[in-house]
Amino acid sequence: MTQWGNGPSGESGDGQPAQPDPWAKPQADQQQGQPDPWAKPQADQQPAQPDPWAQQQPGQQQGYGQQQYGQQPGYAQQPPGQQPPGQQQYGQQPGYYPPAPGYAGATTGAGVGGIAGMGARFGAFVIDIIILLVVGVILRVLFGQDLAGVLNLIVGFAYFGYLIGAQQQTFGMRVLNIKVVDANTGGPIGIGRGLLRYLVQGLTGLLCLVGYFSPFFDGTKRYQGWHDKAASDFVVNAK
């Protein structure tokens, strides 16, 4: 029978080789250096991981190769009010030049939409003439030939002088959406200049209707007729 006890020489009492005790606790110097899977790693053995929740210091980048949010690569931040060389202001078209003095009211004034075309101006004039002819017939029926001629002249001055000078539009101009504006301010020209405009247009129109076609003679392409130049106005598209 094999005994578990071993003699001093490592043999059993009956002379047989000593058998290892399976229940014996291994000695400290006999244990193998196996890593403990449940042991917490030491601070100096953990890899240095960046803290994603750490507060970023002012002027410090978040990581290697990262740039600040909203900053494009290759573009240095410009001081306020300073533009990079060769860069134009927003909304300014290349080759744009400011309008000539005295013409600003015809392009940028309040309620101004650009110089009106001659087709709209001619159509508005035809509508106004038809209205005045109808009024002239009524006056002739009511007051006779001689008195109707004087009344027609008064009605013409009142019609063009007041409506153009104060309202900036006759009925014909209102239909075709054009109006008369001051060449410098873009506002109404006033009744006095409205009467002057109608007088010059009527007198020059007696010369074989040349005065009515004088806007075509304007070399600036603003269609400013002789009556427009006399009253210092432009005919523009109404907004």
C-alpha atoms as a PDB file:
ATOM      1  CA  MET A   1       0.000   0.000   0.000  1.00  0.00           C
ATOM      2  CA  THR A   2       1.358   3.373  -0.939  1.00  0.00           C
ATOM      3  CA  GLN A   3       1.623   5.933   1.817  1.00  0.00           C
ATOM      4  CA  TRP A   4       1.353   9.707   1.239  1.00  0.00           C
ATOM      5  CA  GLY A   5       3.992  10.549   3.750  1.00  0.00           C
ATOM      6  CA  ASN A   6       7.574  10.772   2.502  1.00  0.00           C
ATOM      7  CA  GLY A   7      10.724  10.260   4.486  1.00  0.00           C
ATOM      8  CA  PRO A   8      13.542  12.718   4.777  1.00  0.00           C
ATOM      9  CA  SER A   9      15.237  11.270   1.701  1.00  0.00           C
ATOM     10  CA  GLY A  10      12.139  11.770  -0.442  1.00  0.00           C
ATOM     11  CA  GLU A  11      11.174   8.101  -0.288  1.00  0.00           C
ATOM     12  CA  SER A  12       8.232   6.422   1.315  1.00  0.00           C
ATOM     13  CA  GLY A  13       8.585   4.365   4.390  1.00  0.00           C
ATOM     14  CA  ASP A  14       8.527   1.111   2.481  1.00  0.00           C
ATOM     15  CA  GLY A  15      11.405   2.075   0.232  1.00  0.00           C
ATOM     16  CA  GLN A  16       9.326   3.163  -2.791  1.00  0.00           C
ATOM     17  CA  PRO A  17       9.917   6.495  -4.564  1.00  0.00           C
ATOM     18  CA  ALA A  18       8.054   9.358  -2.999  1.00  0.00           C
ATOM     19  CA  GLN A  19       4.804  10.295  -4.750  1.00  0.00           C
ATOM     20  CA  PRO A  20       3.747  13.952  -4.921  1.00  0.00           C
ATOM     21  CA  ASP A  21       0.929  14.919  -2.629  1.00  0.00           C
ATOM     22  CA  PRO A  22      -1.904  16.232  -4.879  1.00  0.00           C
ATOM     23  CA  TRP A  23      -3.541  17.971  -1.922  1.00  0.00           C
ATOM     24  CA  ALA A  24      -0.421  19.749  -0.776  1.00  0.00           C
ATOM     25  CA  LYS A  25      -0.368  23.608  -1.220  1.00  0.00           C
ATOM     26  CA  PRO A  26       2.400  24.589  -3.566  1.00  0.00           C
ATOM     27  CA  GLN A  27       5.225  26.568  -2.020  1.00  0.00           C
ATOM     28  CA  ALA A  28       5.756  30.247  -2.899  1.00  0.00           C
ATOM     29  CA  ASP A  29       9.026  29.488  -4.680  1.00  0.00           C
ATOM     30  CA  GLN A  30       7.480  26.647  -6.665  1.00  0.00           C
ATOM     31  CA  GLN A  31       4.524  28.614  -8.118  1.00  0.00           C
ATOM     32  CA  GLN A  32       4.797  29.628 -11.717  1.00  0.00           C
ATOM     33  CA  GLY A  33       4.639  33.317 -12.526  1.00  0.00           C
ATOM     34  CA  GLN A  34       1.224  33.318 -14.240  1.00  0.00           C
ATOM     35  CA  PRO A  35      -0.456  36.731 -14.658  1.00  0.00           C
ATOM     36  CA  ASP A  36      -3.586  37.293 -12.629  1.00  0.00           C
ATOM     37  CA  PRO A  37      -6.387  37.965 -15.134  1.00  0.00           C
ATOM     38  CA  TRP A  38      -8.436  39.757 -12.446  1.00  0.00           C
ATOM     39  CA  ALA A  39      -5.644  41.964 -11.205  1.00  0.00           C
ATOM     40  CA  LYS A  40      -6.085  45.735 -11.889  1.00  0.00           C
ATOM     41  CA  PRO A  41      -3.279  47.016 -14.088  1.00  0.00           C
ATOM     42  CA  GLN A  42      -0.925  49.516 -12.570  1.00  0.00           C
ATOM     43  CA  ALA A  43      -1.034  53.186 -13.555  1.00  0.00           C
ATOM     44  CA  ASP A  44       2.404  53.003 -15.180  1.00  0.00           C
ATOM     45  CA  GLN A  45       1.397  49.975 -17.276  1.00  0.00           C
ATOM     46  CA  GLN A  46      -1.738  51.560 -18.857  1.00  0.00           C
ATOM     47  CA  PRO A  47      -1.317  53.211 -22.270  1.00  0.00           C
ATOM     48  CA  ALA A  48      -1.680  56.976 -22.201  1.00  0.00           C
ATOM     49  CA  GLN A  49      -5.134  57.590 -23.746  1.00  0.00           C
ATOM     50  CA  PRO A  50      -6.258  61.183 -24.442  1.00  0.00           C
ATOM     51  CA  ASP A  51      -9.193  62.333 -22.339  1.00  0.00           C
ATOM     52  CA  PRO A  52     -11.994  63.164 -24.837  1.00  0.00           C
ATOM     53  CA  TRP A  53     -13.873  65.170 -22.193  1.00  0.00           C
ATOM     54  CA  ALA A  54     -10.916  67.247 -21.088  1.00  0.00           C
ATOM     55  CA  GLN A  55     -11.459  71.007 -21.516  1.00  0.00           C
ATOM     56  CA  GLN A  56      -9.488  72.465 -24.379  1.00  0.00           C
ATOM     57  CA  GLN A  57      -7.091  75.229 -23.484  1.00  0.00           C
ATOM     58  CA  PRO A  58      -7.426  78.528 -25.419  1.00  0.00           C
ATOM     59  CA  GLY A  59      -5.349  78.504 -28.576  1.00  0.00           C
ATOM     60  CA  GLN A  60      -4.695  74.739 -28.334  1.00  0.00           C
ATOM     61  CA  GLN A  61      -5.650  72.360 -31.139  1.00  0.00           C
ATOM     62  CA  GLN A  62      -7.730  69.288 -30.304  1.00  0.00           C
ATOM     63  CA  GLY A  63      -5.431  66.781 -31.890  1.00  0.00           C
ATOM     64  CA  TYR A  64      -2.633  66.245 -34.332  1.00  0.00           C
ATOM     65  CA  GLY A  65      -3.677  67.183 -37.836  1.00  0.00           C
ATOM     66  CA  GLN A  66      -6.915  68.827 -36.640  1.00  0.00           C
ATOM     67  CA  GLN A  67      -7.753  72.429 -37.321  1.00  0.00           C
ATOM     68  CA  GLN A  68     -10.100  74.771 -35.561  1.00  0.00           C
ATOM     69  CA  TYR A  69     -13.770  74.499 -36.387  1.00  0.00           C
ATOM     70  CA  GLY A  70     -14.885  76.748 -39.266  1.00  0.00           C
ATOM     71  CA  GLN A  71     -11.355  77.593 -40.410  1.00  0.00           C
ATOM     72  CA  GLN A  72     -10.479  76.587 -43.953  1.00  0.00           C
ATOM     73  CA  PRO A  73      -7.002  75.242 -44.677  1.00  0.00           C
ATOM     74  CA  GLY A  74      -4.675  77.741 -46.256  1.00  0.00           C
ATOM     75  CA  TYR A  75      -6.712  80.786 -45.189  1.00  0.00           C
ATOM     76  CA  ALA A  76      -5.293  82.972 -42.482  1.00  0.00           C
ATOM     77  CA  GLN A  77      -7.761  84.876 -40.366  1.00  0.00           C
ATOM     78  CA  GLN A  78      -8.100  88.436 -41.579  1.00  0.00           C
ATOM     79  CA  PRO A  79      -8.382  91.396 -39.196  1.00  0.00           C
ATOM     80  CA  PRO A  80     -11.849  93.004 -39.075  1.00  0.00           C
ATOM     81  CA  GLY A  81     -12.487  95.324 -42.003  1.00  0.00           C
ATOM     82  CA  GLN A  82      -9.544  93.992 -44.041  1.00  0.00           C
ATOM     83  CA  GLN A  83      -9.882  91.841 -47.165  1.00  0.00           C
ATOM     84  CA  PRO A  84      -7.333  89.554 -48.801  1.00  0.00           C
ATOM     85  CA  PRO A  85      -5.522  91.028 -51.812  1.00  0.00           C
ATOM     86  CA  GLY A  86      -7.520  90.763 -55.019  1.00  0.00           C
ATOM     87  CA  GLN A  87     -10.808  90.008 -53.257  1.00  0.00           C
ATOM     88  CA  GLN A  88     -13.713  92.323 -53.949  1.00  0.00           C
ATOM     89  CA  GLN A  89     -16.600  93.245 -51.732  1.00  0.00           C
ATOM     90  CA  TYR A  90     -19.670  91.031 -51.610  1.00  0.00           C
ATOM     91  CA  GLY A  91     -22.293  91.907 -54.193  1.00  0.00           C
ATOM     92  CA  GLN A  92     -19.983  94.053 -56.313  1.00  0.00           C
ATOM     93  CA  GLN A  93     -19.751  92.890 -59.886  1.00  0.00           C
ATOM     94  CA  PRO A  94     -16.416  92.824 -61.708  1.00  0.00           C
ATOM     95  CA  GLY A  95     -15.986  95.865 -63.887  1.00  0.00           C
ATOM     96  CA  TYR A  96     -18.673  97.806 -62.010  1.00  0.00           C
ATOM     97  CA  TYR A  97     -18.289 101.564 -61.963  1.00  0.00           C
ATOM     98  CA  PRO A  98     -20.403 104.007 -59.973  1.00  0.00           C
ATOM     99  CA  PRO A  99     -22.980 105.994 -61.948  1.00  0.00           C
ATOM    100  CA  ALA A 100     -22.152 109.412 -63.227  1.00  0.00           C
ATOM    101  CA  PRO A 101     -23.061 112.423 -61.059  1.00  0.00           C
ATOM    102  CA  GLY A 102     -26.705 113.420 -61.493  1.00  0.00           C
ATOM    103  CA  TYR A 103     -27.686 109.938 -62.657  1.00  0.00           C
ATOM    104  CA  ALA A 104     -27.806 108.224 -59.248  1.00  0.00           C
ATOM    105  CA  GLY A 105     -31.507 109.049 -58.825  1.00  0.00           C
ATOM    106  CA  ALA A 106     -32.335 107.182 -62.033  1.00  0.00           C
ATOM    107  CA  THR A 107     -30.763 103.921 -60.873  1.00  0.00           C
ATOM    108  CA  THR A 108     -30.810 103.801 -57.101  1.00  0.00           C
ATOM    109  CA  GLY A 109     -33.450 106.309 -56.006  1.00  0.00           C
ATOM    110  CA  ALA A 110     -36.548 105.299 -54.052  1.00  0.00           C
ATOM    111  CA  GLY A 111     -39.159 103.633 -56.228  1.00  0.00           C
ATOM    112  CA  VAL A 112     -36.924 103.684 -59.283  1.00  0.00           C
ATOM    113  CA  GLY A 113     -36.607 100.575 -61.417  1.00  0.00           C
ATOM    114  CA  GLY A 114     -34.438 101.750 -64.315  1.00  0.00           C
ATOM    115  CA  ILE A 115     -34.936 103.887 -67.391  1.00  0.00           C
ATOM    116  CA  ALA A 116     -38.261 103.218 -69.120  1.00  0.00           C
ATOM    117  CA  GLY A 117     -38.261 102.068 -72.728  1.00  0.00           C
ATOM    118  CA  MET A 118     -39.622 104.176 -75.528  1.00  0.00           C
ATOM    119  CA  GLY A 119     -42.340 101.635 -76.283  1.00  0.00           C
ATOM    120  CA  ALA A 120     -43.917 102.105 -72.845  1.00  0.00           C
ATOM    121  CA  ARG A 121     -43.544 105.877 -73.066  1.00  0.00           C
ATOM    122  CA  PHE A 122     -45.203 106.022 -76.491  1.00  0.00           C
ATOM    123  CA  GLY A 123     -48.053 103.770 -75.350  1.00  0.00           C
ATOM    124  CA  ALA A 124     -48.671 105.893 -72.261  1.00  0.00           C
ATOM    125  CA  PHE A 125     -48.682 109.066 -74.403  1.00  0.00           C
ATOM    126  CA  VAL A 126     -51.264 107.552 -76.772  1.00  0.00           C
ATOM    127  CA  ILE A 127     -53.551 106.648 -73.849  1.00  0.00           C
ATOM    128  CA  ASP A 128     -53.256 110.193 -72.456  1.00  0.00           C
ATOM    129  CA  ILE A 129     -54.052 111.763 -75.856  1.00  0.00           C
ATOM    130  CA  ILE A 130     -57.154 109.572 -76.216  1.00  0.00           C
ATOM    131  CA  ILE A 131     -58.334 110.662 -72.750  1.00  0.00           C
ATOM    132  CA  LEU A 132     -57.805 114.348 -73.609  1.00  0.00           C
ATOM    133  CA  LEU A 133     -59.593 113.943 -76.960  1.00  0.00           C
ATOM    134  CA  VAL A 134     -62.640 112.479 -75.241  1.00  0.00           C
ATOM    135  CA  VAL A 135     -62.627 115.364 -72.757  1.00  0.00           C
ATOM    136  CA  GLY A 136     -62.266 117.838 -75.652  1.00  0.00           C
ATOM    137  CA  VAL A 137     -65.308 116.429 -77.437  1.00  0.00           C
ATOM    138  CA  ILE A 138     -67.368 116.714 -74.270  1.00  0.00           C
ATOM    139  CA  LEU A 139     -66.236 120.335 -73.774  1.00  0.00           C
ATOM    140  CA  ARG A 140     -67.038 121.181 -77.364  1.00  0.00           C
ATOM    141  CA  VAL A 141     -70.542 119.795 -77.019  1.00  0.00           C
ATOM    142  CA  LEU A 142     -71.119 121.666 -73.769  1.00  0.00           C
ATOM    143  CA  PHE A 143     -69.408 125.013 -74.444  1.00  0.00           C
ATOM    144  CA  GLY A 144     -68.989 125.279 -78.206  1.00  0.00           C
ATOM    145  CA  GLN A 145     -65.946 125.388 -80.483  1.00  0.00           C
ATOM    146  CA  ASP A 146     -64.272 128.610 -79.322  1.00  0.00           C
ATOM    147  CA  LEU A 147     -64.553 128.180 -75.596  1.00  0.00           C
ATOM    148  CA  ALA A 148     -63.724 124.483 -75.817  1.00  0.00           C
ATOM    149  CA  GLY A 149     -60.303 125.344 -77.345  1.00  0.00           C
ATOM    150  CA  VAL A 150     -59.355 127.485 -74.326  1.00  0.00           C
ATOM    151  CA  LEU A 151     -60.674 124.906 -71.898  1.00  0.00           C
ATOM    152  CA  ASN A 152     -58.728 122.146 -73.624  1.00  0.00           C
ATOM    153  CA  LEU A 153     -55.497 124.105 -73.101  1.00  0.00           C
ATOM    154  CA  ILE A 154     -56.276 124.556 -69.400  1.00  0.00           C
ATOM    155  CA  VAL A 155     -57.191 120.888 -69.022  1.00  0.00           C
ATOM    156  CA  GLY A 156     -53.949 119.838 -70.742  1.00  0.00           C
ATOM    157  CA  PHE A 157     -51.785 121.908 -68.384  1.00  0.00           C
ATOM    158  CA  ALA A 158     -53.730 120.675 -65.381  1.00  0.00           C
ATOM    159  CA  TYR A 159     -53.615 117.072 -66.547  1.00  0.00           C
ATOM    160  CA  PHE A 160     -49.899 116.843 -67.314  1.00  0.00           C
ATOM    161  CA  GLY A 161     -48.699 119.529 -64.905  1.00  0.00           C
ATOM    162  CA  TYR A 162     -50.438 118.235 -61.798  1.00  0.00           C
ATOM    163  CA  LEU A 163     -50.394 114.478 -62.446  1.00  0.00           C
ATOM    164  CA  ILE A 164     -46.757 114.386 -63.561  1.00  0.00           C
ATOM    165  CA  GLY A 165     -45.503 117.082 -61.175  1.00  0.00           C
ATOM    166  CA  ALA A 166     -47.259 115.922 -58.004  1.00  0.00           C
ATOM    167  CA  GLN A 167     -48.347 112.311 -58.677  1.00  0.00           C
ATOM    168  CA  GLN A 168     -45.422 111.432 -61.028  1.00  0.00           C
ATOM    169  CA  GLN A 169     -47.809 109.524 -63.311  1.00  0.00           C
ATOM    170  CA  THR A 170     -50.548 110.276 -65.780  1.00  0.00           C
ATOM    171  CA  PHE A 171     -53.305 107.702 -66.290  1.00  0.00           C
ATOM    172  CA  GLY A 172     -51.475 106.316 -69.312  1.00  0.00           C
ATOM    173  CA  MET A 173     -48.228 106.030 -67.363  1.00  0.00           C
ATOM    174  CA  ARG A 174     -50.050 104.283 -64.539  1.00  0.00           C
ATOM    175  CA  VAL A 175     -51.431 101.713 -66.965  1.00  0.00           C
ATOM    176  CA  LEU A 176     -47.954 100.924 -68.357  1.00  0.00           C
ATOM    177  CA  ASN A 177     -46.237 101.194 -64.953  1.00  0.00           C
ATOM    178  CA  ILE A 178     -43.831 104.059 -65.616  1.00  0.00           C
ATOM    179  CA  LYS A 179     -43.373 107.408 -63.895  1.00  0.00           C
ATOM    180  CA  VAL A 180     -41.411 110.679 -63.973  1.00  0.00           C
ATOM    181  CA  VAL A 181     -38.796 111.283 -61.268  1.00  0.00           C
ATOM    182  CA  ASP A 182     -36.385 114.033 -60.361  1.00  0.00           C
ATOM    183  CA  ALA A 183     -32.984 113.390 -61.940  1.00  0.00           C
ATOM    184  CA  ASN A 184     -31.154 114.076 -58.659  1.00  0.00           C
ATOM    185  CA  THR A 185     -33.471 112.862 -55.905  1.00  0.00           C
ATOM    186  CA  GLY A 186     -35.748 110.290 -57.547  1.00  0.00           C
ATOM    187  CA  GLY A 187     -38.796 112.045 -56.094  1.00  0.00           C
ATOM    188  CA  PRO A 188     -41.571 114.172 -57.654  1.00  0.00           C
ATOM    189  CA  ILE A 189     -40.505 117.137 -59.759  1.00  0.00           C
ATOM    190  CA  GLY A 190     -43.273 119.425 -58.506  1.00  0.00           C
ATOM    191  CA  ILE A 191     -46.183 121.095 -60.273  1.00  0.00           C
ATOM    192  CA  GLY A 192     -44.093 124.018 -61.568  1.00  0.00           C
ATOM    193  CA  ARG A 193     -41.593 121.787 -63.353  1.00  0.00           C
ATOM    194  CA  GLY A 194     -44.441 119.566 -64.486  1.00  0.00           C
ATOM    195  CA  LEU A 195     -46.034 122.553 -66.229  1.00  0.00           C
ATOM    196  CA  LEU A 196     -42.651 123.512 -67.733  1.00  0.00           C
ATOM    197  CA  ARG A 197     -42.219 119.986 -69.039  1.00  0.00           C
ATOM    198  CA  TYR A 198     -45.618 120.009 -70.724  1.00  0.00           C
ATOM    199  CA  LEU A 199     -45.017 123.478 -72.234  1.00  0.00           C
ATOM    200  CA  VAL A 200     -41.638 122.511 -73.751  1.00  0.00           C
ATOM    201  CA  GLN A 201     -43.070 119.244 -75.050  1.00  0.00           C
ATOM    202  CA  GLY A 202     -46.004 121.039 -76.670  1.00  0.00           C
ATOM    203  CA  LEU A 203     -43.904 123.756 -78.303  1.00  0.00           C
ATOM    204  CA  THR A 204     -41.244 121.395 -79.650  1.00  0.00           C
ATOM    205  CA  GLY A 205     -43.959 119.001 -80.756  1.00  0.00           C
ATOM    206  CA  LEU A 206     -45.331 121.661 -83.075  1.00  0.00           C
ATOM    207  CA  LEU A 207     -42.110 121.432 -85.120  1.00  0.00           C
ATOM    208  CA  CYS A 208     -43.197 118.447 -87.193  1.00  0.00           C
ATOM    209  CA  LEU A 209     -43.556 116.411 -83.992  1.00  0.00           C
ATOM    210  CA  VAL A 210     -39.777 116.575 -83.492  1.00  0.00           C
ATOM    211  CA  GLY A 211     -40.138 117.260 -79.766  1.00  0.00           C
ATOM    212  CA  TYR A 212     -42.007 114.009 -79.237  1.00  0.00           C
ATOM    213  CA  PHE A 213     -39.130 112.042 -80.781  1.00  0.00           C
ATOM    214  CA  SER A 214     -36.368 113.996 -79.014  1.00  0.00           C
ATOM    215  CA  PRO A 215     -35.727 111.157 -76.479  1.00  0.00           C
ATOM    216  CA  PHE A 216     -34.228 109.145 -79.360  1.00  0.00           C
ATOM    217  CA  PHE A 217     -31.628 111.892 -79.840  1.00  0.00           C
ATOM    218  CA  ASP A 218     -30.176 111.438 -76.348  1.00  0.00           C
ATOM    219  CA  GLY A 219     -26.625 110.133 -76.778  1.00  0.00           C
ATOM    220  CA  THR A 220     -26.470 108.837 -73.190  1.00  0.00           C
ATOM    221  CA  LYS A 221     -29.132 106.170 -73.951  1.00  0.00           C
ATOM    222  CA  ARG A 222     -31.248 107.447 -71.067  1.00  0.00           C
ATOM    223  CA  TYR A 223     -34.036 108.582 -73.407  1.00  0.00           C
ATOM    224  CA  GLN A 224     -34.066 112.052 -71.904  1.00  0.00           C
ATOM    225  CA  GLY A 225     -36.021 114.278 -74.291  1.00  0.00           C
ATOM    226  CA  TRP A 226     -35.808 118.036 -74.559  1.00  0.00           C
ATOM    227  CA  HIS A 227     -38.767 118.424 -72.194  1.00  0.00           C
ATOM    228  CA  ASP A 228     -37.104 116.006 -69.747  1.00  0.00           C
ATOM    229  CA  LYS A 229     -33.883 118.008 -69.795  1.00  0.00           C
ATOM    230  CA  ALA A 230     -35.800 121.254 -69.292  1.00  0.00           C
ATOM    231  CA  ALA A 231     -37.499 119.836 -66.198  1.00  0.00           C
ATOM    232  CA  SER A 232     -34.395 117.835 -65.103  1.00  0.00           C
ATOM    233  CA  ASP A 233     -36.247 114.543 -64.886  1.00  0.00           C
ATOM    234  CA  PHE A 234     -36.125 110.928 -66.062  1.00  0.00           C
ATOM    235  CA  VAL A 235     -38.921 108.585 -67.102  1.00  0.00           C
ATOM    236  CA  VAL A 236     -38.359 105.302 -65.286  1.00  0.00           C
ATOM    237  CA  ASN A 237     -40.071 101.988 -64.643  1.00  0.00           C
ATOM    238  CA  ALA A 238     -42.190 102.121 -61.501  1.00  0.00           C
ATOM    239  CA  LYS A 239     -41.696  99.285 -58.995  1.00  0.00           C
END
